[in-house]
Amino acid sequence: MNVLTSDNKIIHLTKDVFQQSDILKFAFREFDNTKPFPLPNVESDTMNLIIHYTLNDIKIVENQDVLFRLAMATDYLNMPILLDKVCQHIADSIIGKSPKEIRSILYIEEPLI
């Protein structure tokens, strides 16, 4: 199955990858597979990371910006196993941090009060 990412890159997905996504499984069954399935909310670099982390059971070692993009993409694609793994990594990164550090990590503005 081929997908067309938001930055207009065509990426081939093996069955092992697209079977992890409820959205892509449905697309494979229901749509014309001669054309790439559009993913307007997923960039190619994020899709390549999704492929990498779906096929390799390794610890996720990305910076916060990439982790948030992975979380958004795996949520959009309805990939619960990888989404849980990404969210756990984000949660682990804020354990033991002060409220100010957590706000900084999660890009939350300081309260005005």
N, C-alpha and C. Protein backbone atom coordinates (compact mmCIF):
# COMPACT_ATOMS: atom_id res chain seq x y z
N MET A 1 0.85 -1.17 0.00
CA MET A 1 0.00 0.00 0.00
C MET A 1 0.89 1.23 0.00
N ASN A 2 0.52 2.22 -0.82
CA ASN A 2 1.24 3.48 -0.86
C ASN A 2 0.39 4.58 -0.24
N VAL A 3 1.07 5.50 0.45
CA VAL A 3 0.39 6.67 1.01
C VAL A 3 1.06 7.92 0.47
N LEU A 4 0.28 8.98 0.40
CA LEU A 4 0.78 10.30 -0.01
C LEU A 4 0.75 11.20 1.21
N THR A 5 1.93 11.61 1.66
CA THR A 5 2.03 12.41 2.87
C THR A 5 1.69 13.87 2.59
N SER A 6 1.58 14.65 3.64
CA SER A 6 1.20 16.05 3.51
C SER A 6 2.24 16.88 2.75
N ASP A 7 3.48 16.41 2.73
CA ASP A 7 4.52 17.11 1.97
C ASP A 7 4.73 16.46 0.59
N ASN A 8 3.69 15.80 0.11
CA ASN A 8 3.63 15.22 -1.25
C ASN A 8 4.69 14.17 -1.55
N LYS A 9 5.02 13.36 -0.57
CA LYS A 9 5.93 12.23 -0.76
C LYS A 9 5.10 10.95 -0.76
N ILE A 10 5.42 10.06 -1.67
CA ILE A 10 4.76 8.77 -1.71
C ILE A 10 5.63 7.77 -0.95
N ILE A 11 5.02 7.10 0.00
CA ILE A 11 5.75 6.13 0.83
C ILE A 11 5.01 4.80 0.74
N HIS A 12 5.79 3.75 0.51
CA HIS A 12 5.22 2.41 0.46
C HIS A 12 5.18 1.83 1.87
N LEU A 13 4.03 1.29 2.23
CA LEU A 13 3.87 0.64 3.54
C LEU A 13 3.67 -0.85 3.34
N THR A 14 4.42 -1.61 4.09
CA THR A 14 4.22 -3.06 4.06
C THR A 14 2.98 -3.41 4.87
N LYS A 15 2.53 -4.62 4.69
CA LYS A 15 1.35 -5.08 5.43
C LYS A 15 1.58 -5.01 6.93
N ASP A 16 2.80 -5.31 7.38
CA ASP A 16 3.13 -5.25 8.80
C ASP A 16 2.88 -3.86 9.38
N VAL A 17 3.07 -2.83 8.57
CA VAL A 17 2.88 -1.46 9.05
C VAL A 17 1.42 -1.05 8.96
N PHE A 18 0.81 -1.18 7.78
CA PHE A 18 -0.55 -0.65 7.66
C PHE A 18 -1.57 -1.46 8.45
N GLN A 19 -1.25 -2.70 8.80
CA GLN A 19 -2.17 -3.50 9.63
C GLN A 19 -2.24 -2.98 11.07
N GLN A 20 -1.27 -2.16 11.47
CA GLN A 20 -1.27 -1.58 12.81
C GLN A 20 -2.21 -0.39 12.93
N SER A 21 -2.68 0.12 11.79
CA SER A 21 -3.53 1.31 11.76
C SER A 21 -4.94 0.95 11.31
N ASP A 22 -5.92 1.27 12.14
CA ASP A 22 -7.31 1.01 11.75
C ASP A 22 -7.70 1.81 10.50
N ILE A 23 -7.21 3.03 10.40
CA ILE A 23 -7.52 3.87 9.24
C ILE A 23 -6.93 3.27 7.96
N LEU A 24 -5.67 2.86 8.02
CA LEU A 24 -5.02 2.33 6.82
C LEU A 24 -5.54 0.95 6.44
N LYS A 25 -5.92 0.14 7.42
CA LYS A 25 -6.54 -1.16 7.10
C LYS A 25 -7.85 -0.93 6.35
N PHE A 26 -8.64 0.01 6.82
CA PHE A 26 -9.90 0.33 6.16
C PHE A 26 -9.64 0.86 4.75
N ALA A 27 -8.67 1.75 4.62
CA ALA A 27 -8.34 2.32 3.31
C ALA A 27 -7.90 1.23 2.35
N PHE A 28 -7.12 0.29 2.83
CA PHE A 28 -6.64 -0.80 1.97
C PHE A 28 -7.81 -1.64 1.46
N ARG A 29 -8.79 -1.88 2.32
CA ARG A 29 -9.95 -2.69 1.93
C ARG A 29 -10.92 -1.94 1.03
N GLU A 30 -11.12 -0.65 1.28
CA GLU A 30 -12.23 0.08 0.68
C GLU A 30 -11.88 0.99 -0.49
N PHE A 31 -10.62 1.36 -0.66
CA PHE A 31 -10.26 2.34 -1.67
C PHE A 31 -9.43 1.72 -2.78
N ASP A 32 -9.33 2.47 -3.86
CA ASP A 32 -8.54 2.07 -5.02
C ASP A 32 -7.06 2.06 -4.65
N ASN A 33 -6.47 0.88 -4.60
CA ASN A 33 -5.07 0.78 -4.18
C ASN A 33 -4.08 1.05 -5.30
N THR A 34 -4.56 1.44 -6.46
CA THR A 34 -3.64 1.81 -7.54
C THR A 34 -3.13 3.24 -7.34
N LYS A 35 -3.80 4.00 -6.48
CA LYS A 35 -3.39 5.37 -6.18
C LYS A 35 -2.97 5.44 -4.72
N PRO A 36 -2.02 6.31 -4.40
CA PRO A 36 -1.62 6.45 -2.99
C PRO A 36 -2.77 7.03 -2.15
N PHE A 37 -2.92 6.51 -0.96
CA PHE A 37 -3.95 7.01 -0.05
C PHE A 37 -3.43 8.29 0.60
N PRO A 38 -4.18 9.40 0.51
CA PRO A 38 -3.68 10.67 1.05
C PRO A 38 -3.73 10.72 2.58
N LEU A 39 -2.64 11.24 3.13
CA LEU A 39 -2.55 11.47 4.57
C LEU A 39 -2.24 12.95 4.78
N PRO A 40 -3.25 13.82 4.75
CA PRO A 40 -3.00 15.26 4.81
C PRO A 40 -2.45 15.75 6.15
N ASN A 41 -2.50 14.93 7.18
CA ASN A 41 -2.03 15.35 8.51
C ASN A 41 -0.71 14.70 8.92
N VAL A 42 -0.05 13.99 8.01
CA VAL A 42 1.18 13.29 8.37
C VAL A 42 2.28 13.63 7.37
N GLU A 43 3.39 14.16 7.86
CA GLU A 43 4.54 14.46 7.00
C GLU A 43 5.36 13.20 6.77
N SER A 44 6.16 13.22 5.73
CA SER A 44 6.94 12.03 5.35
C SER A 44 7.94 11.63 6.43
N ASP A 45 8.61 12.60 7.06
CA ASP A 45 9.58 12.23 8.10
C ASP A 45 8.89 11.55 9.28
N THR A 46 7.70 12.01 9.62
CA THR A 46 6.94 11.38 10.70
C THR A 46 6.48 9.99 10.29
N MET A 47 6.02 9.85 9.03
CA MET A 47 5.58 8.53 8.55
C MET A 47 6.74 7.55 8.55
N ASN A 48 7.93 8.01 8.18
CA ASN A 48 9.10 7.13 8.19
C ASN A 48 9.45 6.69 9.61
N LEU A 49 9.28 7.58 10.59
CA LEU A 49 9.50 7.19 11.99
C LEU A 49 8.44 6.19 12.45
N ILE A 50 7.21 6.39 12.02
CA ILE A 50 6.14 5.44 12.37
C ILE A 50 6.50 4.06 11.82
N ILE A 51 6.95 4.01 10.59
CA ILE A 51 7.37 2.74 9.99
C ILE A 51 8.49 2.12 10.83
N HIS A 52 9.49 2.92 11.14
CA HIS A 52 10.64 2.44 11.91
C HIS A 52 10.23 1.87 13.26
N TYR A 53 9.40 2.61 14.00
CA TYR A 53 9.01 2.16 15.34
C TYR A 53 7.96 1.06 15.31
N THR A 54 7.24 0.92 14.20
CA THR A 54 6.30 -0.19 14.08
C THR A 54 7.03 -1.49 13.80
N LEU A 55 8.07 -1.42 12.99
CA LEU A 55 8.80 -2.63 12.59
C LEU A 55 9.90 -3.03 13.57
N ASN A 56 10.36 -2.10 14.39
CA ASN A 56 11.46 -2.36 15.32
C ASN A 56 11.00 -2.11 16.75
N ASP A 57 11.08 -3.11 17.57
CA ASP A 57 10.67 -2.97 18.96
C ASP A 57 11.83 -2.40 19.76
N ILE A 58 12.05 -1.10 19.57
CA ILE A 58 13.15 -0.44 20.27
C ILE A 58 12.60 0.76 21.03
N LYS A 59 13.40 1.24 21.96
CA LYS A 59 12.99 2.39 22.76
C LYS A 59 12.97 3.63 21.87
N ILE A 60 11.92 4.42 22.03
CA ILE A 60 11.80 5.66 21.27
C ILE A 60 12.75 6.69 21.85
N VAL A 61 13.58 7.28 21.00
CA VAL A 61 14.60 8.22 21.46
C VAL A 61 14.56 9.51 20.64
N GLU A 62 13.41 10.13 20.58
CA GLU A 62 13.23 11.34 19.79
C GLU A 62 13.10 12.55 20.71
N ASN A 63 13.35 13.74 20.15
CA ASN A 63 13.16 14.96 20.93
C ASN A 63 11.66 15.24 21.09
N GLN A 64 11.33 16.20 21.94
CA GLN A 64 9.93 16.45 22.27
C GLN A 64 9.09 16.83 21.06
N ASP A 65 9.63 17.67 20.17
CA ASP A 65 8.86 18.06 18.99
C ASP A 65 8.49 16.85 18.15
N VAL A 66 9.43 15.97 17.95
CA VAL A 66 9.18 14.76 17.15
C VAL A 66 8.20 13.85 17.88
N LEU A 67 8.33 13.73 19.19
CA LEU A 67 7.40 12.90 19.96
C LEU A 67 5.97 13.40 19.83
N PHE A 68 5.79 14.71 19.88
CA PHE A 68 4.44 15.25 19.74
C PHE A 68 3.89 15.00 18.34
N ARG A 69 4.74 15.13 17.31
CA ARG A 69 4.28 14.84 15.95
C ARG A 69 3.92 13.36 15.82
N LEU A 70 4.73 12.49 16.43
CA LEU A 70 4.42 11.05 16.42
C LEU A 70 3.10 10.77 17.13
N ALA A 71 2.89 11.41 18.26
CA ALA A 71 1.64 11.20 19.01
C ALA A 71 0.44 11.65 18.18
N MET A 72 0.55 12.81 17.56
CA MET A 72 -0.56 13.31 16.74
C MET A 72 -0.82 12.39 15.55
N ALA A 73 0.24 11.94 14.89
CA ALA A 73 0.08 11.09 13.70
C ALA A 73 -0.47 9.72 14.07
N THR A 74 0.04 9.12 15.14
CA THR A 74 -0.45 7.79 15.51
C THR A 74 -1.89 7.86 16.02
N ASP A 75 -2.26 8.99 16.62
CA ASP A 75 -3.66 9.18 17.01
C ASP A 75 -4.53 9.32 15.75
N TYR A 76 -4.09 10.14 14.81
CA TYR A 76 -4.82 10.35 13.56
C TYR A 76 -5.01 9.04 12.79
N LEU A 77 -3.96 8.21 12.77
CA LEU A 77 -4.01 6.94 12.05
C LEU A 77 -4.65 5.82 12.87
N ASN A 78 -5.01 6.12 14.09
CA ASN A 78 -5.60 5.14 15.00
C ASN A 78 -4.69 3.91 15.12
N MET A 79 -3.49 4.17 15.66
CA MET A 79 -2.49 3.13 15.90
C MET A 79 -2.27 3.03 17.41
N PRO A 80 -3.17 2.37 18.13
CA PRO A 80 -3.13 2.42 19.59
C PRO A 80 -1.86 1.87 20.23
N ILE A 81 -1.26 0.86 19.67
CA ILE A 81 -0.06 0.28 20.29
C ILE A 81 1.09 1.28 20.26
N LEU A 82 1.35 1.87 19.09
CA LEU A 82 2.43 2.84 18.98
C LEU A 82 2.08 4.14 19.72
N LEU A 83 0.81 4.55 19.67
CA LEU A 83 0.40 5.75 20.40
C LEU A 83 0.66 5.58 21.90
N ASP A 84 0.31 4.43 22.45
CA ASP A 84 0.57 4.17 23.87
C ASP A 84 2.06 4.26 24.18
N LYS A 85 2.88 3.71 23.31
CA LYS A 85 4.33 3.72 23.51
C LYS A 85 4.87 5.15 23.49
N VAL A 86 4.41 5.95 22.54
CA VAL A 86 4.85 7.35 22.44
C VAL A 86 4.39 8.15 23.66
N CYS A 87 3.12 7.98 24.03
CA CYS A 87 2.60 8.72 25.18
C CYS A 87 3.30 8.31 26.48
N GLN A 88 3.63 7.04 26.61
CA GLN A 88 4.37 6.59 27.80
C GLN A 88 5.73 7.25 27.85
N HIS A 89 6.38 7.38 26.69
CA HIS A 89 7.69 8.03 26.64
C HIS A 89 7.56 9.51 27.04
N ILE A 90 6.51 10.17 26.57
CA ILE A 90 6.29 11.57 26.96
C ILE A 90 6.03 11.66 28.46
N ALA A 91 5.19 10.77 28.99
CA ALA A 91 4.90 10.76 30.42
C ALA A 91 6.16 10.51 31.24
N ASP A 92 6.98 9.58 30.80
CA ASP A 92 8.24 9.30 31.51
C ASP A 92 9.16 10.52 31.54
N SER A 93 9.09 11.34 30.50
CA SER A 93 9.98 12.50 30.42
C SER A 93 9.58 13.62 31.38
N ILE A 94 8.35 13.58 31.92
CA ILE A 94 7.93 14.65 32.84
C ILE A 94 7.86 14.20 34.30
N ILE A 95 8.07 12.91 34.54
CA ILE A 95 8.04 12.41 35.91
C ILE A 95 9.14 13.08 36.73
N GLY A 96 8.77 13.58 37.89
CA GLY A 96 9.73 14.19 38.80
C GLY A 96 10.10 15.62 38.45
N LYS A 97 9.47 16.19 37.44
CA LYS A 97 9.78 17.56 37.04
C LYS A 97 8.89 18.54 37.80
N SER A 98 9.36 19.74 37.93
CA SER A 98 8.56 20.79 38.57
C SER A 98 7.45 21.23 37.61
N PRO A 99 6.41 21.88 38.15
CA PRO A 99 5.36 22.38 37.26
C PRO A 99 5.90 23.29 36.16
N LYS A 100 6.88 24.11 36.49
CA LYS A 100 7.46 25.01 35.48
C LYS A 100 8.16 24.20 34.38
N GLU A 101 8.91 23.17 34.77
CA GLU A 101 9.58 22.32 33.77
C GLU A 101 8.57 21.57 32.90
N ILE A 102 7.49 21.08 33.52
CA ILE A 102 6.46 20.36 32.76
C ILE A 102 5.80 21.29 31.76
N ARG A 103 5.49 22.53 32.19
CA ARG A 103 4.91 23.49 31.25
C ARG A 103 5.84 23.74 30.08
N SER A 104 7.12 23.82 30.35
CA SER A 104 8.10 24.05 29.28
C SER A 104 8.16 22.85 28.32
N ILE A 105 8.20 21.65 28.88
CA ILE A 105 8.27 20.44 28.05
C ILE A 105 7.03 20.30 27.18
N LEU A 106 5.84 20.60 27.76
CA LEU A 106 4.58 20.41 27.05
C LEU A 106 4.11 21.67 26.31
N TYR A 107 4.96 22.69 26.28
CA TYR A 107 4.65 23.93 25.58
C TYR A 107 3.37 24.58 26.10
N ILE A 108 3.24 24.61 27.42
CA ILE A 108 2.10 25.25 28.06
C ILE A 108 2.58 26.60 28.61
N GLU A 109 1.85 27.65 28.30
CA GLU A 109 2.24 28.98 28.75
C GLU A 109 2.07 29.12 30.26
N GLU A 110 2.87 29.98 30.84
CA GLU A 110 2.76 30.29 32.28
C GLU A 110 1.39 30.89 32.55
N PRO A 111 0.77 30.55 33.68
CA PRO A 111 -0.51 31.17 34.02
C PRO A 111 -0.34 32.67 34.25
N LEU A 112 -1.35 33.44 33.91
CA LEU A 112 -1.29 34.89 34.05
C LEU A 112 -1.47 35.37 35.48
N ILE A 113 -1.90 34.50 36.36
CA ILE A 113 -2.20 34.88 37.76
C ILE A 113 -0.92 35.06 38.53
